[in-house]
């Protein structure tokens, strides 16, 4: 099994990112969100161009396995993980770990000392295992459906830049 490779999101990734987003919700969130909630959540990618434009305004990384895009993550305002989605066929293959690890490293290198995320119920344990602590429970209305998530945060270790930097 190959390790995930990471690269920046490209404009040509618009359709792929929307597909990964929808597949992740439909294939991985069923134990935590009912079909109506999932449908409302997935509707954020109905306009794929607008969905991609929002990702392009953030630092968005694409994860690939054997050169096929299988996940993405976005960092908003240098200190908030806005999105983390992995295609179900790539779940439990280190994709989410690689994406979040890279965002943490990039944020720390920029001098950020704390990262936050509003983790879905599906992702809450993943973030907890990475050292994020729950701060508060939230409910968010999306297209007439209420979805729960948990605001979490992690203190980052400073990056040692060495004596010349």
N, C-alpha and C. Protein backbone atom coordinates (compact mmCIF):
# COMPACT_ATOMS: atom_id res chain seq x y z
N UNK A 1 0.86 -1.19 0.00
CA UNK A 1 0.00 0.00 0.00
C UNK A 1 0.89 1.24 0.00
N UNK A 2 0.66 2.12 -0.96
CA UNK A 2 1.46 3.34 -1.06
C UNK A 2 0.98 4.40 -0.07
N UNK A 3 1.92 5.25 0.30
CA UNK A 3 1.59 6.36 1.21
C UNK A 3 0.95 7.48 0.40
N UNK A 4 0.08 8.28 1.03
CA UNK A 4 -0.53 9.39 0.31
C UNK A 4 0.53 10.44 -0.06
N UNK A 5 0.37 10.99 -1.24
CA UNK A 5 1.18 12.13 -1.67
C UNK A 5 0.30 13.37 -1.56
N UNK A 6 0.89 14.51 -1.29
CA UNK A 6 0.14 15.76 -1.13
C UNK A 6 0.60 16.77 -2.16
N UNK A 7 -0.35 17.59 -2.58
CA UNK A 7 -0.05 18.68 -3.50
C UNK A 7 -1.08 19.78 -3.30
N UNK A 8 -0.78 21.00 -3.77
CA UNK A 8 -1.78 22.07 -3.68
C UNK A 8 -2.96 21.79 -4.61
N UNK A 9 -4.11 22.30 -4.25
CA UNK A 9 -5.28 22.20 -5.12
C UNK A 9 -5.04 23.06 -6.36
N UNK A 10 -5.45 22.53 -7.51
CA UNK A 10 -5.35 23.24 -8.78
C UNK A 10 -6.75 23.60 -9.26
N UNK A 11 -6.89 24.63 -10.11
CA UNK A 11 -8.21 24.96 -10.63
C UNK A 11 -8.90 23.77 -11.32
N UNK A 12 -8.13 22.89 -11.92
CA UNK A 12 -8.70 21.73 -12.60
C UNK A 12 -9.27 20.68 -11.63
N UNK A 13 -9.06 20.87 -10.32
CA UNK A 13 -9.56 19.93 -9.32
C UNK A 13 -10.99 20.22 -8.87
N UNK A 14 -11.63 21.23 -9.43
CA UNK A 14 -12.95 21.66 -8.95
C UNK A 14 -13.95 20.51 -8.87
N UNK A 15 -14.13 19.79 -9.92
CA UNK A 15 -15.11 18.70 -9.95
C UNK A 15 -14.70 17.57 -8.99
N UNK A 16 -13.42 17.24 -8.99
CA UNK A 16 -12.92 16.15 -8.15
C UNK A 16 -13.12 16.45 -6.67
N UNK A 17 -12.83 17.68 -6.26
CA UNK A 17 -13.00 18.07 -4.85
C UNK A 17 -14.47 17.97 -4.45
N UNK A 18 -15.36 18.42 -5.30
CA UNK A 18 -16.79 18.32 -5.00
C UNK A 18 -17.22 16.86 -4.90
N UNK A 19 -16.69 16.02 -5.78
CA UNK A 19 -17.03 14.59 -5.73
C UNK A 19 -16.53 13.94 -4.45
N UNK A 20 -15.30 14.25 -4.05
CA UNK A 20 -14.75 13.69 -2.80
C UNK A 20 -15.59 14.14 -1.61
N UNK A 21 -15.97 15.42 -1.59
CA UNK A 21 -16.80 15.97 -0.52
C UNK A 21 -18.10 15.19 -0.40
N UNK A 22 -18.80 15.02 -1.51
CA UNK A 22 -20.09 14.32 -1.48
C UNK A 22 -19.92 12.83 -1.11
N UNK A 23 -18.93 12.18 -1.71
CA UNK A 23 -18.72 10.75 -1.44
C UNK A 23 -18.35 10.52 0.02
N UNK A 24 -17.56 11.40 0.60
CA UNK A 24 -17.16 11.27 1.99
C UNK A 24 -18.37 11.36 2.91
N UNK A 25 -19.21 12.34 2.68
CA UNK A 25 -20.40 12.51 3.53
C UNK A 25 -21.33 11.31 3.37
N UNK A 26 -21.58 10.93 2.12
CA UNK A 26 -22.51 9.83 1.86
C UNK A 26 -21.96 8.49 2.35
N UNK A 27 -20.66 8.27 2.20
CA UNK A 27 -20.09 6.98 2.51
C UNK A 27 -19.56 6.80 3.92
N UNK A 28 -19.28 7.90 4.62
CA UNK A 28 -18.64 7.79 5.93
C UNK A 28 -19.45 8.37 7.09
N UNK A 29 -20.43 9.22 6.81
CA UNK A 29 -21.12 9.92 7.90
C UNK A 29 -22.49 9.33 8.24
N UNK A 30 -22.84 8.22 7.65
CA UNK A 30 -24.16 7.63 7.85
C UNK A 30 -24.48 7.20 9.26
N UNK A 31 -23.47 6.87 10.05
CA UNK A 31 -23.73 6.47 11.43
C UNK A 31 -24.01 7.67 12.33
N UNK A 32 -23.62 8.86 11.87
CA UNK A 32 -23.73 10.05 12.71
C UNK A 32 -24.79 11.05 12.23
N UNK A 33 -25.16 10.98 10.97
CA UNK A 33 -26.11 11.93 10.39
C UNK A 33 -27.12 11.16 9.54
N UNK A 34 -28.39 11.55 9.64
CA UNK A 34 -29.42 10.85 8.87
C UNK A 34 -29.38 11.29 7.41
N UNK A 35 -30.10 10.58 6.52
CA UNK A 35 -30.04 10.91 5.09
C UNK A 35 -30.42 12.36 4.76
N UNK A 36 -31.39 12.92 5.44
CA UNK A 36 -31.78 14.32 5.17
C UNK A 36 -30.66 15.27 5.57
N UNK A 37 -30.01 15.00 6.70
CA UNK A 37 -28.89 15.84 7.12
C UNK A 37 -27.73 15.72 6.13
N UNK A 38 -27.44 14.50 5.68
CA UNK A 38 -26.38 14.30 4.71
C UNK A 38 -26.67 15.05 3.40
N UNK A 39 -27.89 14.96 2.95
CA UNK A 39 -28.28 15.63 1.70
C UNK A 39 -28.12 17.15 1.83
N UNK A 40 -28.54 17.71 2.95
CA UNK A 40 -28.39 19.14 3.18
C UNK A 40 -26.91 19.52 3.20
N UNK A 41 -26.10 18.74 3.86
CA UNK A 41 -24.66 18.98 3.97
C UNK A 41 -24.02 18.92 2.59
N UNK A 42 -24.35 17.89 1.82
CA UNK A 42 -23.77 17.73 0.49
C UNK A 42 -24.16 18.85 -0.47
N UNK A 43 -25.28 19.50 -0.21
CA UNK A 43 -25.75 20.56 -1.11
C UNK A 43 -24.76 21.73 -1.21
N UNK A 44 -23.83 21.83 -0.27
CA UNK A 44 -22.81 22.89 -0.33
C UNK A 44 -21.98 22.79 -1.60
N UNK A 45 -21.95 21.60 -2.22
CA UNK A 45 -21.16 21.41 -3.44
C UNK A 45 -22.02 21.36 -4.70
N UNK A 46 -23.30 21.71 -4.58
CA UNK A 46 -24.17 21.69 -5.77
C UNK A 46 -23.64 22.60 -6.87
N UNK A 47 -23.17 23.78 -6.49
CA UNK A 47 -22.52 24.68 -7.44
C UNK A 47 -21.02 24.42 -7.32
N UNK A 48 -20.53 23.52 -8.16
CA UNK A 48 -19.14 23.08 -8.03
C UNK A 48 -18.14 24.21 -8.23
N UNK A 49 -18.44 25.14 -9.12
CA UNK A 49 -17.52 26.26 -9.36
C UNK A 49 -17.40 27.14 -8.11
N UNK A 50 -18.52 27.43 -7.47
CA UNK A 50 -18.50 28.25 -6.26
C UNK A 50 -17.82 27.49 -5.12
N UNK A 51 -18.09 26.20 -5.02
CA UNK A 51 -17.47 25.36 -3.99
C UNK A 51 -15.95 25.38 -4.15
N UNK A 52 -15.49 25.19 -5.37
CA UNK A 52 -14.04 25.21 -5.65
C UNK A 52 -13.45 26.59 -5.41
N UNK A 53 -14.17 27.64 -5.76
CA UNK A 53 -13.67 29.00 -5.56
C UNK A 53 -13.42 29.27 -4.08
N UNK A 54 -14.30 28.75 -3.22
CA UNK A 54 -14.08 28.91 -1.77
C UNK A 54 -12.83 28.16 -1.33
N UNK A 55 -12.60 26.98 -1.88
CA UNK A 55 -11.40 26.21 -1.53
C UNK A 55 -10.14 26.92 -2.03
N UNK A 56 -10.22 27.58 -3.17
CA UNK A 56 -9.07 28.27 -3.74
C UNK A 56 -8.69 29.51 -2.92
N UNK A 57 -9.62 30.06 -2.16
CA UNK A 57 -9.32 31.21 -1.30
C UNK A 57 -8.60 30.79 -0.03
N UNK A 58 -8.60 29.50 0.24
CA UNK A 58 -7.94 28.96 1.42
C UNK A 58 -6.73 28.15 0.97
N UNK A 59 -5.88 27.80 1.90
CA UNK A 59 -4.79 26.87 1.60
C UNK A 59 -5.42 25.48 1.55
N UNK A 60 -5.55 24.92 0.36
CA UNK A 60 -6.19 23.62 0.20
C UNK A 60 -5.19 22.64 -0.39
N UNK A 61 -5.04 21.52 0.30
CA UNK A 61 -4.16 20.44 -0.14
C UNK A 61 -4.98 19.27 -0.63
N UNK A 62 -4.49 18.63 -1.67
CA UNK A 62 -5.09 17.44 -2.24
C UNK A 62 -4.20 16.25 -1.88
N UNK A 63 -4.80 15.17 -1.41
CA UNK A 63 -4.06 13.93 -1.17
C UNK A 63 -4.35 12.97 -2.32
N UNK A 64 -3.30 12.30 -2.79
CA UNK A 64 -3.46 11.32 -3.85
C UNK A 64 -2.88 9.98 -3.41
N UNK A 65 -3.46 8.93 -3.93
CA UNK A 65 -2.91 7.58 -3.81
C UNK A 65 -2.72 7.08 -5.23
N UNK A 66 -1.51 6.71 -5.56
CA UNK A 66 -1.19 6.28 -6.93
C UNK A 66 -1.66 7.33 -7.94
N UNK A 67 -1.44 8.60 -7.60
CA UNK A 67 -1.73 9.76 -8.44
C UNK A 67 -3.22 10.06 -8.64
N UNK A 68 -4.07 9.37 -7.91
CA UNK A 68 -5.52 9.59 -7.99
C UNK A 68 -5.94 10.40 -6.76
N UNK A 69 -6.58 11.57 -6.95
CA UNK A 69 -7.04 12.36 -5.80
C UNK A 69 -8.06 11.58 -4.95
N UNK A 70 -7.80 11.51 -3.64
CA UNK A 70 -8.68 10.75 -2.75
C UNK A 70 -9.08 11.53 -1.50
N UNK A 71 -8.57 12.75 -1.34
CA UNK A 71 -8.93 13.54 -0.17
C UNK A 71 -8.44 14.96 -0.30
N UNK A 72 -8.98 15.83 0.54
CA UNK A 72 -8.52 17.22 0.58
C UNK A 72 -8.76 17.81 1.95
N UNK A 73 -8.00 18.85 2.25
CA UNK A 73 -8.16 19.58 3.51
C UNK A 73 -7.85 21.05 3.23
N UNK A 74 -8.54 21.93 3.93
CA UNK A 74 -8.37 23.37 3.75
C UNK A 74 -8.07 24.05 5.08
N UNK A 75 -7.16 25.00 5.03
CA UNK A 75 -6.81 25.82 6.18
C UNK A 75 -7.30 27.23 5.92
N UNK A 76 -8.14 27.74 6.81
CA UNK A 76 -8.72 29.08 6.66
C UNK A 76 -8.08 30.01 7.68
N UNK A 77 -7.71 31.20 7.24
CA UNK A 77 -7.15 32.23 8.12
C UNK A 77 -5.92 31.73 8.89
N UNK A 78 -5.19 30.81 8.33
CA UNK A 78 -3.94 30.27 8.89
C UNK A 78 -4.09 29.47 10.18
N UNK A 79 -5.29 29.47 10.81
CA UNK A 79 -5.39 28.80 12.10
C UNK A 79 -6.66 27.97 12.30
N UNK A 80 -7.40 27.73 11.23
CA UNK A 80 -8.65 26.97 11.35
C UNK A 80 -8.74 25.95 10.22
N UNK A 81 -8.84 24.68 10.59
CA UNK A 81 -9.05 23.64 9.59
C UNK A 81 -10.51 23.73 9.17
N UNK A 82 -10.74 24.22 7.97
CA UNK A 82 -12.08 24.46 7.47
C UNK A 82 -12.73 23.18 6.94
N UNK A 83 -11.93 22.35 6.26
CA UNK A 83 -12.48 21.13 5.67
C UNK A 83 -11.45 20.02 5.71
N UNK A 84 -11.95 18.80 5.89
CA UNK A 84 -11.15 17.58 5.80
C UNK A 84 -12.09 16.49 5.30
N UNK A 85 -11.86 16.02 4.09
CA UNK A 85 -12.72 15.00 3.49
C UNK A 85 -11.87 13.97 2.78
N UNK A 86 -12.22 12.71 2.98
CA UNK A 86 -11.52 11.59 2.36
C UNK A 86 -12.55 10.70 1.68
N UNK A 87 -12.25 10.29 0.46
CA UNK A 87 -13.15 9.38 -0.26
C UNK A 87 -13.23 8.06 0.51
N UNK A 88 -14.41 7.46 0.62
CA UNK A 88 -14.55 6.22 1.39
C UNK A 88 -13.59 5.11 0.94
N UNK A 89 -13.27 5.03 -0.33
CA UNK A 89 -12.38 3.96 -0.79
C UNK A 89 -10.94 4.14 -0.28
N UNK A 90 -10.64 5.33 0.24
CA UNK A 90 -9.30 5.61 0.77
C UNK A 90 -9.30 5.76 2.28
N UNK A 91 -10.43 5.51 2.92
CA UNK A 91 -10.53 5.64 4.38
C UNK A 91 -9.59 4.66 5.05
N UNK A 92 -9.01 5.09 6.16
CA UNK A 92 -8.11 4.27 6.99
C UNK A 92 -6.83 3.87 6.24
N UNK A 93 -6.39 4.74 5.35
CA UNK A 93 -5.15 4.50 4.62
C UNK A 93 -4.15 5.63 4.87
N UNK A 94 -4.37 6.42 5.91
CA UNK A 94 -3.43 7.47 6.28
C UNK A 94 -3.64 8.79 5.57
N UNK A 95 -4.71 8.92 4.80
CA UNK A 95 -4.95 10.13 4.02
C UNK A 95 -5.26 11.31 4.93
N UNK A 96 -6.22 11.16 5.82
CA UNK A 96 -6.59 12.26 6.73
C UNK A 96 -5.40 12.63 7.61
N UNK A 97 -4.69 11.63 8.11
CA UNK A 97 -3.52 11.88 8.96
C UNK A 97 -2.47 12.69 8.20
N UNK A 98 -2.21 12.34 6.95
CA UNK A 98 -1.23 13.08 6.16
C UNK A 98 -1.68 14.52 5.90
N UNK A 99 -2.95 14.70 5.57
CA UNK A 99 -3.47 16.04 5.29
C UNK A 99 -3.41 16.93 6.53
N UNK A 100 -3.91 16.45 7.65
CA UNK A 100 -3.93 17.27 8.86
C UNK A 100 -2.50 17.49 9.36
N UNK A 101 -1.66 16.49 9.28
CA UNK A 101 -0.26 16.66 9.67
C UNK A 101 0.42 17.76 8.87
N UNK A 102 0.16 17.79 7.57
CA UNK A 102 0.75 18.83 6.73
C UNK A 102 0.21 20.21 7.10
N UNK A 103 -1.10 20.32 7.35
CA UNK A 103 -1.67 21.62 7.74
C UNK A 103 -1.09 22.08 9.08
N UNK A 104 -0.91 21.15 10.01
CA UNK A 104 -0.33 21.51 11.31
C UNK A 104 1.11 22.00 11.13
N UNK A 105 1.87 21.32 10.30
CA UNK A 105 3.26 21.72 10.06
C UNK A 105 3.33 23.08 9.40
N UNK A 106 2.49 23.30 8.38
CA UNK A 106 2.48 24.60 7.70
C UNK A 106 2.08 25.72 8.65
N UNK A 107 1.05 25.48 9.46
CA UNK A 107 0.60 26.51 10.40
C UNK A 107 1.70 26.83 11.41
N UNK A 108 2.34 25.80 11.96
CA UNK A 108 3.41 26.01 12.95
C UNK A 108 4.58 26.77 12.32
N UNK A 109 4.90 26.45 11.07
CA UNK A 109 5.99 27.15 10.38
C UNK A 109 5.67 28.62 10.17
N UNK A 110 4.40 28.95 10.13
CA UNK A 110 3.95 30.35 9.98
C UNK A 110 3.83 31.05 11.33
N UNK A 111 4.20 30.37 12.40
CA UNK A 111 4.15 30.98 13.73
C UNK A 111 2.81 30.82 14.43
N UNK A 112 1.90 30.04 13.88
CA UNK A 112 0.60 29.82 14.51
C UNK A 112 0.82 28.87 15.70
N UNK A 113 0.25 29.21 16.83
CA UNK A 113 0.45 28.39 18.03
C UNK A 113 -0.76 27.52 18.38
N UNK A 114 -1.89 27.76 17.71
CA UNK A 114 -3.11 27.02 18.03
C UNK A 114 -3.94 26.84 16.76
N UNK A 115 -4.36 25.60 16.52
CA UNK A 115 -5.26 25.31 15.40
C UNK A 115 -6.63 24.95 15.95
N UNK A 116 -7.67 25.37 15.25
CA UNK A 116 -9.03 25.02 15.63
C UNK A 116 -9.70 24.27 14.49
N UNK A 117 -10.76 23.57 14.83
CA UNK A 117 -11.57 22.86 13.84
C UNK A 117 -12.96 22.69 14.42
N UNK A 118 -13.96 22.77 13.58
CA UNK A 118 -15.33 22.43 13.97
C UNK A 118 -15.55 21.03 13.41
N UNK A 119 -15.26 20.03 14.20
CA UNK A 119 -15.25 18.63 13.74
C UNK A 119 -16.65 18.05 13.71
N UNK A 120 -16.97 17.42 12.60
CA UNK A 120 -18.24 16.69 12.51
C UNK A 120 -18.22 15.57 13.54
N UNK A 121 -19.39 15.02 13.83
CA UNK A 121 -19.45 13.89 14.76
C UNK A 121 -18.63 12.72 14.21
N UNK A 122 -18.56 12.60 12.90
CA UNK A 122 -17.80 11.53 12.26
C UNK A 122 -16.30 11.73 12.46
N UNK A 123 -15.83 12.97 12.45
CA UNK A 123 -14.39 13.26 12.54
C UNK A 123 -13.90 13.56 13.95
N UNK A 124 -14.81 13.70 14.90
CA UNK A 124 -14.42 14.11 16.25
C UNK A 124 -13.37 13.19 16.88
N UNK A 125 -13.55 11.88 16.79
CA UNK A 125 -12.57 10.96 17.38
C UNK A 125 -11.22 11.05 16.68
N UNK A 126 -11.23 11.21 15.35
CA UNK A 126 -9.97 11.36 14.62
C UNK A 126 -9.17 12.54 15.18
N UNK A 127 -9.83 13.68 15.32
CA UNK A 127 -9.13 14.86 15.84
C UNK A 127 -8.72 14.67 17.30
N UNK A 128 -9.56 14.02 18.08
CA UNK A 128 -9.21 13.75 19.47
C UNK A 128 -7.94 12.92 19.58
N UNK A 129 -7.79 11.93 18.72
CA UNK A 129 -6.58 11.11 18.73
C UNK A 129 -5.35 11.89 18.29
N UNK A 130 -5.53 12.99 17.59
CA UNK A 130 -4.41 13.83 17.15
C UNK A 130 -4.10 14.93 18.17
N UNK A 131 -4.75 14.91 19.32
CA UNK A 131 -4.43 15.88 20.36
C UNK A 131 -5.32 17.10 20.40
N UNK A 132 -6.40 17.12 19.64
CA UNK A 132 -7.35 18.24 19.69
C UNK A 132 -8.29 18.00 20.86
N UNK A 133 -8.61 19.05 21.59
CA UNK A 133 -9.51 18.94 22.72
C UNK A 133 -10.82 19.67 22.42
N UNK A 134 -11.90 19.07 22.88
CA UNK A 134 -13.23 19.64 22.65
C UNK A 134 -13.38 20.92 23.48
N UNK A 135 -13.93 21.95 22.85
CA UNK A 135 -14.18 23.22 23.53
C UNK A 135 -15.67 23.47 23.75
N UNK A 136 -16.47 23.15 22.74
CA UNK A 136 -17.92 23.34 22.88
C UNK A 136 -18.66 22.55 21.79
N UNK A 137 -19.89 22.24 22.08
CA UNK A 137 -20.77 21.54 21.14
C UNK A 137 -21.57 22.58 20.39
N UNK A 138 -21.75 22.36 19.08
CA UNK A 138 -22.47 23.30 18.22
C UNK A 138 -23.58 22.58 17.46
N UNK A 139 -24.60 23.34 17.10
CA UNK A 139 -25.58 22.88 16.12
C UNK A 139 -25.64 23.95 15.05
N UNK A 140 -25.62 23.49 13.80
CA UNK A 140 -25.58 24.39 12.66
C UNK A 140 -26.75 24.06 11.74
N UNK A 141 -27.49 25.07 11.31
CA UNK A 141 -28.60 24.86 10.39
C UNK A 141 -28.06 24.93 8.96
N UNK A 142 -28.34 23.88 8.20
CA UNK A 142 -27.93 23.81 6.80
C UNK A 142 -29.14 23.38 5.98
N UNK A 143 -29.65 24.28 5.16
CA UNK A 143 -30.80 23.98 4.29
C UNK A 143 -31.96 23.33 5.05
N UNK A 144 -32.28 23.87 6.20
CA UNK A 144 -33.42 23.39 6.97
C UNK A 144 -33.14 22.19 7.86
N UNK A 145 -31.93 21.69 7.86
CA UNK A 145 -31.55 20.56 8.71
C UNK A 145 -30.54 21.03 9.75
N UNK A 146 -30.63 20.46 10.95
CA UNK A 146 -29.70 20.79 12.02
C UNK A 146 -28.63 19.71 12.10
N UNK A 147 -27.37 20.15 12.04
CA UNK A 147 -26.23 19.23 12.12
C UNK A 147 -25.39 19.60 13.34
N UNK A 148 -24.95 18.59 14.06
CA UNK A 148 -24.10 18.83 15.21
C UNK A 148 -22.63 18.72 14.83
N UNK A 149 -21.81 19.51 15.51
CA UNK A 149 -20.36 19.38 15.41
C UNK A 149 -19.74 19.85 16.73
N UNK A 150 -18.44 19.69 16.84
CA UNK A 150 -17.74 20.05 18.07
C UNK A 150 -16.56 20.95 17.74
N UNK A 151 -16.51 22.12 18.34
CA UNK A 151 -15.34 22.99 18.19
C UNK A 151 -14.21 22.40 19.02
N UNK A 152 -13.05 22.22 18.37
CA UNK A 152 -11.89 21.61 19.03
C UNK A 152 -10.67 22.47 18.75
N UNK A 153 -9.65 22.32 19.59
CA UNK A 153 -8.41 23.06 19.34
C UNK A 153 -7.21 22.24 19.78
N UNK A 154 -6.07 22.60 19.19
CA UNK A 154 -4.81 21.94 19.50
C UNK A 154 -3.72 22.99 19.57
N UNK A 155 -2.90 22.90 20.60
CA UNK A 155 -1.73 23.77 20.71
C UNK A 155 -0.62 23.16 19.88
N UNK A 156 -0.04 23.96 19.01
CA UNK A 156 1.05 23.50 18.13
C UNK A 156 2.39 23.76 18.76
N UNK A 157 3.33 22.88 18.49
CA UNK A 157 4.69 23.07 18.93
C UNK A 157 5.38 24.01 17.95
N UNK A 158 6.15 24.97 18.45
CA UNK A 158 6.86 25.88 17.56
C UNK A 158 7.86 25.11 16.69
N UNK A 159 8.04 25.61 15.47
CA UNK A 159 9.00 25.01 14.56
C UNK A 159 10.35 25.63 14.83
N UNK A 160 11.35 24.79 15.04
CA UNK A 160 12.71 25.28 15.25
C UNK A 160 13.30 25.63 13.89
N UNK A 161 13.49 26.92 13.67
CA UNK A 161 13.97 27.37 12.36
C UNK A 161 15.49 27.39 12.26
N UNK A 162 16.18 27.11 13.34
CA UNK A 162 17.63 27.06 13.30
C UNK A 162 18.24 28.44 13.49
N UNK A 163 19.57 28.51 13.66
CA UNK A 163 20.24 29.77 14.01
C UNK A 163 20.29 30.80 12.87
N UNK A 164 20.14 30.36 11.62
CA UNK A 164 20.28 31.30 10.51
C UNK A 164 18.96 31.92 10.08
N UNK A 165 17.87 31.47 10.63
CA UNK A 165 16.57 31.99 10.16
C UNK A 165 15.91 32.84 11.19
